[in-house]
Amino acid sequence: MARRICLDCGTLTDGTRCTTCRRPRERAMLQAKRQRRPRPTHAEDKRRAAAVAAHRREHGDWCPGWRRDPHEASDLTADHVDAVAAGGAESGDLQVLCRSCNSAKGAR
């Protein structure tokens, strides 16, 4: 691979930025991501746990599926129907999905 000049400091590197310049940039991007997606409050965590417990009492370890057929799953999670990051209310409706379906929903 050809060596290039770092976009920030001008030293030779194998990528677009040297390791000295890349680390603060990665740290800043991670902090910005945390600010966009704050950690749910303790009350919200309890509300989600209660939603999963109620779903398990009624349906067992069963995921209703998101854009796929319902299936058995032991890793159920509760998440907002309308994402808070997209403008949904923090107290909005929750839906219970397995982690795989929840990730697929979040990646759409």
PDB file of N, CA and C in Angstrom:
ATOM      1  N   MET A   1       0.842  -1.173   0.000  1.00  0.00           N
ATOM      2  CA  MET A   1       0.000   0.000   0.000  1.00  0.00           C
ATOM      3  C   MET A   1       0.889   1.240   0.000  1.00  0.00           C
ATOM      4  N   ALA A   2       0.559   2.188  -0.794  1.00  0.00           N
ATOM      5  CA  ALA A   2       1.345   3.403  -0.913  1.00  0.00           C
ATOM      6  C   ALA A   2       1.192   4.272   0.323  1.00  0.00           C
ATOM      7  N   ARG A   3       2.281   4.894   0.719  1.00  0.00           N
ATOM      8  CA  ARG A   3       2.232   5.798   1.867  1.00  0.00           C
ATOM      9  C   ARG A   3       1.686   7.137   1.402  1.00  0.00           C
ATOM     10  N   ARG A   4       0.919   7.747   2.283  1.00  0.00           N
ATOM     11  CA  ARG A   4       0.296   9.032   1.971  1.00  0.00           C
ATOM     12  C   ARG A   4       0.660  10.044   3.046  1.00  0.00           C
ATOM     13  N   ILE A   5       0.312  11.272   2.778  1.00  0.00           N
ATOM     14  CA  ILE A   5       0.511  12.336   3.751  1.00  0.00           C
ATOM     15  C   ILE A   5      -0.761  12.456   4.586  1.00  0.00           C
ATOM     16  N   CYS A   6      -0.601  12.524   5.922  1.00  0.00           N
ATOM     17  CA  CYS A   6      -1.732  12.666   6.839  1.00  0.00           C
ATOM     18  C   CYS A   6      -2.482  13.956   6.511  1.00  0.00           C
ATOM     19  N   LEU A   7      -3.807  13.867   6.450  1.00  0.00           N
ATOM     20  CA  LEU A   7      -4.626  15.029   6.116  1.00  0.00           C
ATOM     21  C   LEU A   7      -4.563  16.125   7.176  1.00  0.00           C
ATOM     22  N   ASP A   8      -4.214  15.763   8.415  1.00  0.00           N
ATOM     23  CA  ASP A   8      -4.201  16.750   9.492  1.00  0.00           C
ATOM     24  C   ASP A   8      -2.820  17.356   9.758  1.00  0.00           C
ATOM     25  N   CYS A   9      -1.777  16.499   9.843  1.00  0.00           N
ATOM     26  CA  CYS A   9      -0.469  17.021  10.259  1.00  0.00           C
ATOM     27  C   CYS A   9       0.600  16.961   9.180  1.00  0.00           C
ATOM     28  N   GLY A  10       0.383  16.208   8.116  1.00  0.00           N
ATOM     29  CA  GLY A  10       1.341  16.167   7.012  1.00  0.00           C
ATOM     30  C   GLY A  10       2.410  15.106   7.114  1.00  0.00           C
ATOM     31  N   THR A  11       2.405  14.261   8.163  1.00  0.00           N
ATOM     32  CA  THR A  11       3.394  13.191   8.261  1.00  0.00           C
ATOM     33  C   THR A  11       2.990  12.038   7.356  1.00  0.00           C
ATOM     34  N   LEU A  12       3.962  11.188   7.014  1.00  0.00           N
ATOM     35  CA  LEU A  12       3.669  10.037   6.168  1.00  0.00           C
ATOM     36  C   LEU A  12       2.915   8.973   6.965  1.00  0.00           C
ATOM     37  N   THR A  13       1.920   8.361   6.323  1.00  0.00           N
ATOM     38  CA  THR A  13       1.090   7.350   6.977  1.00  0.00           C
ATOM     39  C   THR A  13       0.601   6.341   5.950  1.00  0.00           C
ATOM     40  N   ASP A  14       0.058   5.228   6.420  1.00  0.00           N
ATOM     41  CA  ASP A  14      -0.490   4.210   5.514  1.00  0.00           C
ATOM     42  C   ASP A  14      -1.937   4.490   5.145  1.00  0.00           C
ATOM     43  N   GLY A  15      -2.627   5.296   5.929  1.00  0.00           N
ATOM     44  CA  GLY A  15      -4.030   5.605   5.659  1.00  0.00           C
ATOM     45  C   GLY A  15      -4.204   7.073   5.324  1.00  0.00           C
ATOM     46  N   THR A  16      -5.381   7.610   5.634  1.00  0.00           N
ATOM     47  CA  THR A  16      -5.623   9.025   5.362  1.00  0.00           C
ATOM     48  C   THR A  16      -5.171   9.911   6.514  1.00  0.00           C
ATOM     49  N   ARG A  17      -5.067   9.312   7.744  1.00  0.00           N
ATOM     50  CA  ARG A  17      -4.589  10.051   8.910  1.00  0.00           C
ATOM     51  C   ARG A  17      -3.622   9.177   9.695  1.00  0.00           C
ATOM     52  N   CYS A  18      -2.625   9.793  10.317  1.00  0.00           N
ATOM     53  CA  CYS A  18      -1.685   9.042  11.156  1.00  0.00           C
ATOM     54  C   CYS A  18      -2.383   8.667  12.464  1.00  0.00           C
ATOM     55  N   THR A  19      -1.789   7.743  13.223  1.00  0.00           N
ATOM     56  CA  THR A  19      -2.423   7.289  14.462  1.00  0.00           C
ATOM     57  C   THR A  19      -2.537   8.412  15.486  1.00  0.00           C
ATOM     58  N   THR A  20      -1.601   9.334  15.494  1.00  0.00           N
ATOM     59  CA  THR A  20      -1.656  10.454  16.435  1.00  0.00           C
ATOM     60  C   THR A  20      -2.877  11.325  16.172  1.00  0.00           C
ATOM     61  N   CYS A  21      -3.203  11.564  14.923  1.00  0.00           N
ATOM     62  CA  CYS A  21      -4.346  12.418  14.569  1.00  0.00           C
ATOM     63  C   CYS A  21      -5.661  11.641  14.595  1.00  0.00           C
ATOM     64  N   ARG A  22      -5.602  10.344  14.333  1.00  0.00           N
ATOM     65  CA  ARG A  22      -6.812   9.536  14.244  1.00  0.00           C
ATOM     66  C   ARG A  22      -7.472   9.344  15.603  1.00  0.00           C
ATOM     67  N   ARG A  23      -6.698   9.126  16.672  1.00  0.00           N
ATOM     68  CA  ARG A  23      -7.259   8.836  17.999  1.00  0.00           C
ATOM     69  C   ARG A  23      -8.153   9.953  18.530  1.00  0.00           C
ATOM     70  N   PRO A  24      -7.709  11.215  18.536  1.00  0.00           N
ATOM     71  CA  PRO A  24      -8.610  12.267  19.031  1.00  0.00           C
ATOM     72  C   PRO A  24      -9.865  12.401  18.174  1.00  0.00           C
ATOM     73  N   ARG A  25      -9.720  12.175  16.887  1.00  0.00           N
ATOM     74  CA  ARG A  25     -10.864  12.264  15.972  1.00  0.00           C
ATOM     75  C   ARG A  25     -11.874  11.165  16.294  1.00  0.00           C
ATOM     76  N   GLU A  26     -11.401   9.928  16.518  1.00  0.00           N
ATOM     77  CA  GLU A  26     -12.292   8.819  16.856  1.00  0.00           C
ATOM     78  C   GLU A  26     -12.972   9.067  18.193  1.00  0.00           C
ATOM     79  N   ARG A  27     -12.225   9.598  19.164  1.00  0.00           N
ATOM     80  CA  ARG A  27     -12.791   9.905  20.468  1.00  0.00           C
ATOM     81  C   ARG A  27     -13.892  10.957  20.348  1.00  0.00           C
ATOM     82  N   ALA A  28     -13.657  11.978  19.542  1.00  0.00           N
ATOM     83  CA  ALA A  28     -14.654  13.037  19.351  1.00  0.00           C
ATOM     84  C   ALA A  28     -15.914  12.484  18.682  1.00  0.00           C
ATOM     85  N   MET A  29     -15.732  11.578  17.704  1.00  0.00           N
ATOM     86  CA  MET A  29     -16.896  10.984  17.030  1.00  0.00           C
ATOM     87  C   MET A  29     -17.701  10.127  18.002  1.00  0.00           C
ATOM     88  N   LEU A  30     -17.030   9.398  18.891  1.00  0.00           N
ATOM     89  CA  LEU A  30     -17.714   8.573  19.873  1.00  0.00           C
ATOM     90  C   LEU A  30     -18.490   9.441  20.860  1.00  0.00           C
ATOM     91  N   GLN A  31     -17.894  10.536  21.311  1.00  0.00           N
ATOM     92  CA  GLN A  31     -18.591  11.443  22.219  1.00  0.00           C
ATOM     93  C   GLN A  31     -19.811  12.059  21.547  1.00  0.00           C
ATOM     94  N   ALA A  32     -19.695  12.419  20.271  1.00  0.00           N
ATOM     95  CA  ALA A  32     -20.828  12.991  19.547  1.00  0.00           C
ATOM     96  C   ALA A  32     -21.950  11.966  19.426  1.00  0.00           C
ATOM     97  N   LYS A  33     -21.597  10.703  19.200  1.00  0.00           N
ATOM     98  CA  LYS A  33     -22.612   9.650  19.106  1.00  0.00           C
ATOM     99  C   LYS A  33     -23.335   9.488  20.439  1.00  0.00           C
ATOM    100  N   ARG A  34     -22.591   9.541  21.545  1.00  0.00           N
ATOM    101  CA  ARG A  34     -23.208   9.414  22.868  1.00  0.00           C
ATOM    102  C   ARG A  34     -24.159  10.570  23.150  1.00  0.00           C
ATOM    103  N   GLN A  35     -23.827  11.753  22.659  1.00  0.00           N
ATOM    104  CA  GLN A  35     -24.697  12.901  22.866  1.00  0.00           C
ATOM    105  C   GLN A  35     -25.974  12.769  22.051  1.00  0.00           C
ATOM    106  N   ARG A  36     -25.887  12.178  20.864  1.00  0.00           N
ATOM    107  CA  ARG A  36     -27.076  11.987  20.036  1.00  0.00           C
ATOM    108  C   ARG A  36     -27.991  10.924  20.614  1.00  0.00           C
ATOM    109  N   ARG A  37     -27.405   9.890  21.235  1.00  0.00           N
ATOM    110  CA  ARG A  37     -28.178   8.785  21.781  1.00  0.00           C
ATOM    111  C   ARG A  37     -27.888   8.633  23.261  1.00  0.00           C
ATOM    112  N   PRO A  38     -28.522   9.462  24.088  1.00  0.00           N
ATOM    113  CA  PRO A  38     -28.252   9.378  25.523  1.00  0.00           C
ATOM    114  C   PRO A  38     -28.751   8.060  26.108  1.00  0.00           C
ATOM    115  N   ARG A  39     -28.147   7.659  27.190  1.00  0.00           N
ATOM    116  CA  ARG A  39     -28.537   6.434  27.890  1.00  0.00           C
ATOM    117  C   ARG A  39     -29.922   6.624  28.495  1.00  0.00           C
ATOM    118  N   PRO A  40     -30.803   5.619  28.381  1.00  0.00           N
ATOM    119  CA  PRO A  40     -32.141   5.729  28.984  1.00  0.00           C
ATOM    120  C   PRO A  40     -32.050   5.897  30.499  1.00  0.00           C
ATOM    121  N   THR A  41     -33.029   6.566  31.068  1.00  0.00           N
ATOM    122  CA  THR A  41     -33.067   6.775  32.514  1.00  0.00           C
ATOM    123  C   THR A  41     -33.393   5.462  33.229  1.00  0.00           C
ATOM    124  N   HIS A  42     -33.201   5.454  34.533  1.00  0.00           N
ATOM    125  CA  HIS A  42     -33.511   4.268  35.324  1.00  0.00           C
ATOM    126  C   HIS A  42     -35.002   3.918  35.213  1.00  0.00           C
ATOM    127  N   ALA A  43     -35.847   4.947  35.231  1.00  0.00           N
ATOM    128  CA  ALA A  43     -37.297   4.712  35.112  1.00  0.00           C
ATOM    129  C   ALA A  43     -37.631   4.094  33.751  1.00  0.00           C
ATOM    130  N   GLU A  44     -36.943   4.538  32.706  1.00  0.00           N
ATOM    131  CA  GLU A  44     -37.184   3.979  31.366  1.00  0.00           C
ATOM    132  C   GLU A  44     -36.702   2.537  31.306  1.00  0.00           C
ATOM    133  N   ASP A  45     -35.569   2.234  31.927  1.00  0.00           N
ATOM    134  CA  ASP A  45     -35.082   0.849  31.975  1.00  0.00           C
ATOM    135  C   ASP A  45     -36.100  -0.058  32.673  1.00  0.00           C
ATOM    136  N   LYS A  46     -36.680   0.422  33.781  1.00  0.00           N
ATOM    137  CA  LYS A  46     -37.687  -0.361  34.507  1.00  0.00           C
ATOM    138  C   LYS A  46     -38.939  -0.558  33.655  1.00  0.00           C
ATOM    139  N   ARG A  47     -39.350   0.482  32.928  1.00  0.00           N
ATOM    140  CA  ARG A  47     -40.541   0.383  32.065  1.00  0.00           C
ATOM    141  C   ARG A  47     -40.318  -0.643  30.959  1.00  0.00           C
ATOM    142  N   ARG A  48     -39.126  -0.650  30.383  1.00  0.00           N
ATOM    143  CA  ARG A  48     -38.801  -1.624  29.338  1.00  0.00           C
ATOM    144  C   ARG A  48     -38.775  -3.040  29.897  1.00  0.00           C
ATOM    145  N   ALA A  49     -38.179  -3.219  31.085  1.00  0.00           N
ATOM    146  CA  ALA A  49     -38.128  -4.541  31.714  1.00  0.00           C
ATOM    147  C   ALA A  49     -39.536  -5.047  32.013  1.00  0.00           C
ATOM    148  N   ALA A  50     -40.409  -4.147  32.455  1.00  0.00           N
ATOM    149  CA  ALA A  50     -41.796  -4.535  32.739  1.00  0.00           C
ATOM    150  C   ALA A  50     -42.515  -4.946  31.455  1.00  0.00           C
ATOM    151  N   ALA A  51     -42.232  -4.256  30.366  1.00  0.00           N
ATOM    152  CA  ALA A  51     -42.859  -4.602  29.082  1.00  0.00           C
ATOM    153  C   ALA A  51     -42.407  -5.989  28.618  1.00  0.00           C
ATOM    154  N   VAL A  52     -41.125  -6.291  28.775  1.00  0.00           N
ATOM    155  CA  VAL A  52     -40.608  -7.610  28.384  1.00  0.00           C
ATOM    156  C   VAL A  52     -41.211  -8.696  29.285  1.00  0.00           C
ATOM    157  N   ALA A  53     -41.294  -8.425  30.591  1.00  0.00           N
ATOM    158  CA  ALA A  53     -41.873  -9.404  31.531  1.00  0.00           C
ATOM    159  C   ALA A  53     -43.335  -9.678  31.198  1.00  0.00           C
ATOM    160  N   ALA A  54     -44.100  -8.632  30.889  1.00  0.00           N
ATOM    161  CA  ALA A  54     -45.509  -8.814  30.533  1.00  0.00           C
ATOM    162  C   ALA A  54     -45.638  -9.612  29.239  1.00  0.00           C
ATOM    163  N   HIS A  55     -44.763  -9.347  28.278  1.00  0.00           N
ATOM    164  CA  HIS A  55     -44.787 -10.083  27.003  1.00  0.00           C
ATOM    165  C   HIS A  55     -44.472 -11.559  27.250  1.00  0.00           C
ATOM    166  N   ARG A  56     -43.479 -11.820  28.100  1.00  0.00           N
ATOM    167  CA  ARG A  56     -43.106 -13.211  28.396  1.00  0.00           C
ATOM    168  C   ARG A  56     -44.245 -13.955  29.097  1.00  0.00           C
ATOM    169  N   ARG A  57     -44.952 -13.269  30.020  1.00  0.00           N
ATOM    170  CA  ARG A  57     -46.086 -13.911  30.710  1.00  0.00           C
ATOM    171  C   ARG A  57     -47.172 -14.296  29.715  1.00  0.00           C
ATOM    172  N   GLU A  58     -47.407 -13.443  28.741  1.00  0.00           N
ATOM    173  CA  GLU A  58     -48.498 -13.675  27.792  1.00  0.00           C
ATOM    174  C   GLU A  58     -48.107 -14.591  26.631  1.00  0.00           C
ATOM    175  N   HIS A  59     -46.871 -14.438  26.120  1.00  0.00           N
ATOM    176  CA  HIS A  59     -46.478 -15.156  24.906  1.00  0.00           C
ATOM    177  C   HIS A  59     -45.294 -16.106  25.085  1.00  0.00           C
ATOM    178  N   GLY A  60     -44.607 -16.053  26.211  1.00  0.00           N
ATOM    179  CA  GLY A  60     -43.398 -16.857  26.392  1.00  0.00           C
ATOM    180  C   GLY A  60     -42.232 -16.214  25.656  1.00  0.00           C
ATOM    181  N   ASP A  61     -41.184 -16.988  25.428  1.00  0.00           N
ATOM    182  CA  ASP A  61     -40.007 -16.489  24.701  1.00  0.00           C
ATOM    183  C   ASP A  61     -40.281 -16.531  23.197  1.00  0.00           C
ATOM    184  N   TRP A  62     -41.057 -15.587  22.743  1.00  0.00           N
ATOM    185  CA  TRP A  62     -41.513 -15.572  21.359  1.00  0.00           C
ATOM    186  C   TRP A  62     -41.418 -14.159  20.812  1.00  0.00           C
ATOM    187  N   CYS A  63     -40.672 -13.986  19.728  1.00  0.00           N
ATOM    188  CA  CYS A  63     -40.535 -12.674  19.089  1.00  0.00           C
ATOM    189  C   CYS A  63     -41.580 -12.561  17.978  1.00  0.00           C
ATOM    190  N   PRO A  64     -42.342 -11.483  17.944  1.00  0.00           N
ATOM    191  CA  PRO A  64     -43.345 -11.328  16.893  1.00  0.00           C
ATOM    192  C   PRO A  64     -42.724 -11.109  15.519  1.00  0.00           C
ATOM    193  N   GLY A  65     -41.431 -10.846  15.489  1.00  0.00           N
ATOM    194  CA  GLY A  65     -40.718 -10.655  14.226  1.00  0.00           C
ATOM    195  C   GLY A  65     -40.903  -9.249  13.683  1.00  0.00           C
ATOM    196  N   TRP A  66     -39.883  -8.769  13.028  1.00  0.00           N
ATOM    197  CA  TRP A  66     -39.956  -7.485  12.349  1.00  0.00           C
ATOM    198  C   TRP A  66     -39.510  -7.739  10.917  1.00  0.00           C
ATOM    199  N   ARG A  67     -40.475  -7.633   9.997  1.00  0.00           N
ATOM    200  CA  ARG A  67     -40.263  -7.942   8.577  1.00  0.00           C
ATOM    201  C   ARG A  67     -39.797  -9.386   8.367  1.00  0.00           C
ATOM    202  N   ARG A  68     -40.200 -10.252   9.284  1.00  0.00           N
ATOM    203  CA  ARG A  68     -39.983 -11.692   9.139  1.00  0.00           C
ATOM    204  C   ARG A  68     -40.989 -12.407  10.023  1.00  0.00           C
ATOM    205  N   ASP A  69     -41.125 -13.690   9.850  1.00  0.00           N
ATOM    206  CA  ASP A  69     -42.120 -14.466  10.590  1.00  0.00           C
ATOM    207  C   ASP A  69     -41.788 -14.491  12.088  1.00  0.00           C
ATOM    208  N   PRO A  70     -42.825 -14.635  12.938  1.00  0.00           N
ATOM    209  CA  PRO A  70     -42.576 -14.796  14.370  1.00  0.00           C
ATOM    210  C   PRO A  70     -41.691 -16.015  14.615  1.00  0.00           C
ATOM    211  N   HIS A  71     -40.864 -15.929  15.658  1.00  0.00           N
ATOM    212  CA  HIS A  71     -39.919 -17.009  15.943  1.00  0.00           C
ATOM    213  C   HIS A  71     -39.599 -17.053  17.428  1.00  0.00           C
ATOM    214  N   GLU A  72     -39.072 -18.182  17.863  1.00  0.00           N
ATOM    215  CA  GLU A  72     -38.684 -18.345  19.250  1.00  0.00           C
ATOM    216  C   GLU A  72     -37.392 -17.574  19.496  1.00  0.00           C
ATOM    217  N   ALA A  73     -37.329 -16.865  20.628  1.00  0.00           N
ATOM    218  CA  ALA A  73     -36.135 -16.082  20.954  1.00  0.00           C
ATOM    219  C   ALA A  73     -36.086 -15.840  22.452  1.00  0.00           C
ATOM    220  N   SER A  74     -34.925 -16.036  23.043  1.00  0.00           N
ATOM    221  CA  SER A  74     -34.791 -15.824  24.489  1.00  0.00           C
ATOM    222  C   SER A  74     -34.190 -14.457  24.820  1.00  0.00           C
ATOM    223  N   ASP A  75     -33.728 -13.728  23.814  1.00  0.00           N
ATOM    224  CA  ASP A  75     -33.076 -12.429  24.039  1.00  0.00           C
ATOM    225  C   ASP A  75     -34.011 -11.276  23.671  1.00  0.00           C
ATOM    226  N   LEU A  76     -35.147 -11.209  24.351  1.00  0.00           N
ATOM    227  CA  LEU A  76     -36.149 -10.192  24.048  1.00  0.00           C
ATOM    228  C   LEU A  76     -35.766  -8.833  24.629  1.00  0.00           C
ATOM    229  N   THR A  77     -36.077  -7.783  23.886  1.00  0.00           N
ATOM    230  CA  THR A  77     -35.839  -6.413  24.335  1.00  0.00           C
ATOM    231  C   THR A  77     -37.077  -5.583  24.022  1.00  0.00           C
ATOM    232  N   ALA A  78     -37.250  -4.497  24.763  1.00  0.00           N
ATOM    233  CA  ALA A  78     -38.353  -3.569  24.496  1.00  0.00           C
ATOM    234  C   ALA A  78     -37.752  -2.280  23.969  1.00  0.00           C
ATOM    235  N   ASP A  79     -38.355  -1.746  22.933  1.00  0.00           N
ATOM    236  CA  ASP A  79     -37.862  -0.513  22.332  1.00  0.00           C
ATOM    237  C   ASP A  79     -39.053   0.310  21.884  1.00  0.00           C
ATOM    238  N   HIS A  80     -38.823   1.594  21.692  1.00  0.00           N
ATOM    239  CA  HIS A  80     -39.901   2.480  21.261  1.00  0.00           C
ATOM    240  C   HIS A  80     -40.368   2.155  19.848  1.00  0.00           C
ATOM    241  N   VAL A  81     -41.655   2.203  19.638  1.00  0.00           N
ATOM    242  CA  VAL A  81     -42.213   2.010  18.307  1.00  0.00           C
ATOM    243  C   VAL A  81     -41.725   3.142  17.407  1.00  0.00           C
ATOM    244  N   ASP A  82     -41.832   4.371  17.894  1.00  0.00           N
ATOM    245  CA  ASP A  82     -41.293   5.548  17.205  1.00  0.00           C
ATOM    246  C   ASP A  82     -40.040   5.975  17.954  1.00  0.00           C
ATOM    247  N   ALA A  83     -38.888   5.841  17.313  1.00  0.00           N
ATOM    248  CA  ALA A  83     -37.613   6.109  17.972  1.00  0.00           C
ATOM    249  C   ALA A  83     -37.554   7.509  18.567  1.00  0.00           C
ATOM    250  N   VAL A  84     -37.047   7.596  19.785  1.00  0.00           N
ATOM    251  CA  VAL A  84     -36.896   8.889  20.457  1.00  0.00           C
ATOM    252  C   VAL A  84     -35.924   9.762  19.670  1.00  0.00           C
ATOM    253  N   ALA A  85     -34.874   9.166  19.137  1.00  0.00           N
ATOM    254  CA  ALA A  85     -33.888   9.909  18.352  1.00  0.00           C
ATOM    255  C   ALA A  85     -34.496  10.503  17.079  1.00  0.00           C
ATOM    256  N   ALA A  86     -35.597   9.906  16.623  1.00  0.00           N
ATOM    257  CA  ALA A  86     -36.259  10.403  15.412  1.00  0.00           C
ATOM    258  C   ALA A  86     -37.447  11.305  15.759  1.00  0.00           C
ATOM    259  N   GLY A  87     -37.554  11.703  17.031  1.00  0.00           N
ATOM    260  CA  GLY A  87     -38.616  12.622  17.424  1.00  0.00           C
ATOM    261  C   GLY A  87     -39.763  12.002  18.190  1.00  0.00           C
ATOM    262  N   GLY A  88     -39.695  10.704  18.462  1.00  0.00           N
ATOM    263  CA  GLY A  88     -40.747  10.052  19.237  1.00  0.00           C
ATOM    264  C   GLY A  88     -40.675  10.459  20.702  1.00  0.00           C
ATOM    265  N   ALA A  89     -41.784  10.305  21.407  1.00  0.00           N
ATOM    266  CA  ALA A  89     -41.839  10.678  22.820  1.00  0.00           C
ATOM    267  C   ALA A  89     -41.139   9.623  23.678  1.00  0.00           C
ATOM    268  N   GLU A  90     -40.434  10.079  24.707  1.00  0.00           N
ATOM    269  CA  GLU A  90     -39.760   9.171  25.634  1.00  0.00           C
ATOM    270  C   GLU A  90     -40.766   8.237  26.307  1.00  0.00           C
ATOM    271  N   SER A  91     -41.977   8.725  26.512  1.00  0.00           N
ATOM    272  CA  SER A  91     -43.016   7.913  27.154  1.00  0.00           C
ATOM    273  C   SER A  91     -43.890   7.191  26.126  1.00  0.00           C
ATOM    274  N   GLY A  92     -43.435   7.137  24.874  1.00  0.00           N
ATOM    275  CA  GLY A  92     -44.212   6.517  23.803  1.00  0.00           C
ATOM    276  C   GLY A  92     -44.356   5.016  23.955  1.00  0.00           C
ATOM    277  N   ASP A  93     -45.171   4.446  23.087  1.00  0.00           N
ATOM    278  CA  ASP A  93     -45.432   3.008  23.114  1.00  0.00           C
ATOM    279  C   ASP A  93     -44.154   2.207  22.886  1.00  0.00           C
ATOM    280  N   LEU A  94     -44.091   1.047  23.567  1.00  0.00           N
ATOM    281  CA  LEU A  94     -42.964   0.132  23.417  1.00  0.00           C
ATOM    282  C   LEU A  94     -43.410  -1.104  22.663  1.00  0.00           C
ATOM    283  N   GLN A  95     -42.476  -1.732  21.964  1.00  0.00           N
ATOM    284  CA  GLN A  95     -42.737  -3.025  21.340  1.00  0.00           C
ATOM    285  C   GLN A  95     -41.613  -3.962  21.731  1.00  0.00           C
ATOM    286  N   VAL A  96     -41.947  -5.232  21.868  1.00  0.00           N
ATOM    287  CA  VAL A  96     -40.975  -6.234  22.283  1.00  0.00           C
ATOM    288  C   VAL A  96     -40.547  -7.026  21.059  1.00  0.00           C
ATOM    289  N   LEU A  97     -39.237  -7.072  20.846  1.00  0.00           N
ATOM    290  CA  LEU A  97     -38.635  -7.815  19.745  1.00  0.00           C
ATOM    291  C   LEU A  97     -37.378  -8.500  20.260  1.00  0.00           C
ATOM    292  N   CYS A  98     -36.863  -9.478  19.528  1.00  0.00           N
ATOM    293  CA  CYS A  98     -35.568 -10.054  19.883  1.00  0.00           C
ATOM    294  C   CYS A  98     -34.480  -9.065  19.455  1.00  0.00           C
ATOM    295  N   ARG A  99     -33.282  -9.267  19.927  1.00  0.00           N
ATOM    296  CA  ARG A  99     -32.191  -8.336  19.605  1.00  0.00           C
ATOM    297  C   ARG A  99     -31.933  -8.256  18.100  1.00  0.00           C
ATOM    298  N   SER A 100     -32.040  -9.365  17.408  1.00  0.00           N
ATOM    299  CA  SER A 100     -31.803  -9.378  15.973  1.00  0.00           C
ATOM    300  C   SER A 100     -32.828  -8.524  15.219  1.00  0.00           C
ATOM    301  N   CYS A 101     -34.088  -8.704  15.541  1.00  0.00           N
ATOM    302  CA  CYS A 101     -35.140  -7.914  14.898  1.00  0.00           C
ATOM    303  C   CYS A 101     -35.025  -6.440  15.282  1.00  0.00           C
ATOM    304  N   ASN A 102     -34.697  -6.178  16.548  1.00  0.00           N
ATOM    305  CA  ASN A 102     -34.550  -4.815  17.009  1.00  0.00           C
ATOM    306  C   ASN A 102     -33.400  -4.113  16.269  1.00  0.00           C
ATOM    307  N   SER A 103     -32.297  -4.826  16.068  1.00  0.00           N
ATOM    308  CA  SER A 103     -31.164  -4.258  15.321  1.00  0.00           C
ATOM    309  C   SER A 103     -31.537  -4.011  13.873  1.00  0.00           C
ATOM    310  N   ALA A 104     -32.267  -4.928  13.276  1.00  0.00           N
ATOM    311  CA  ALA A 104     -32.688  -4.760  11.883  1.00  0.00           C
ATOM    312  C   ALA A 104     -33.615  -3.547  11.758  1.00  0.00           C
ATOM    313  N   LYS A 105     -34.494  -3.361  12.732  1.00  0.00           N
ATOM    314  CA  LYS A 105     -35.398  -2.217  12.731  1.00  0.00           C
ATOM    315  C   LYS A 105     -34.619  -0.914  12.855  1.00  0.00           C
ATOM    316  N   GLY A 106     -33.620  -0.913  13.756  1.00  0.00           N
ATOM    317  CA  GLY A 106     -32.809   0.287  13.961  1.00  0.00           C
ATOM    318  C   GLY A 106     -31.936   0.633  12.774  1.00  0.00           C
ATOM    319  N   ALA A 107     -31.566  -0.357  11.975  1.00  0.00           N
ATOM    320  CA  ALA A 107     -30.687  -0.131  10.833  1.00  0.00           C
ATOM    321  C   ALA A 107     -31.419   0.298   9.580  1.00  0.00           C
ATOM    322  N   ARG A 108     -32.753   0.350   9.629  1.00  0.00           N
ATOM    323  CA  ARG A 108     -33.511   0.693   8.412  1.00  0.00           C
ATOM    324  C   ARG A 108     -33.356   2.136   8.023  1.00  0.00           C
TER     325      ARG A 108
END
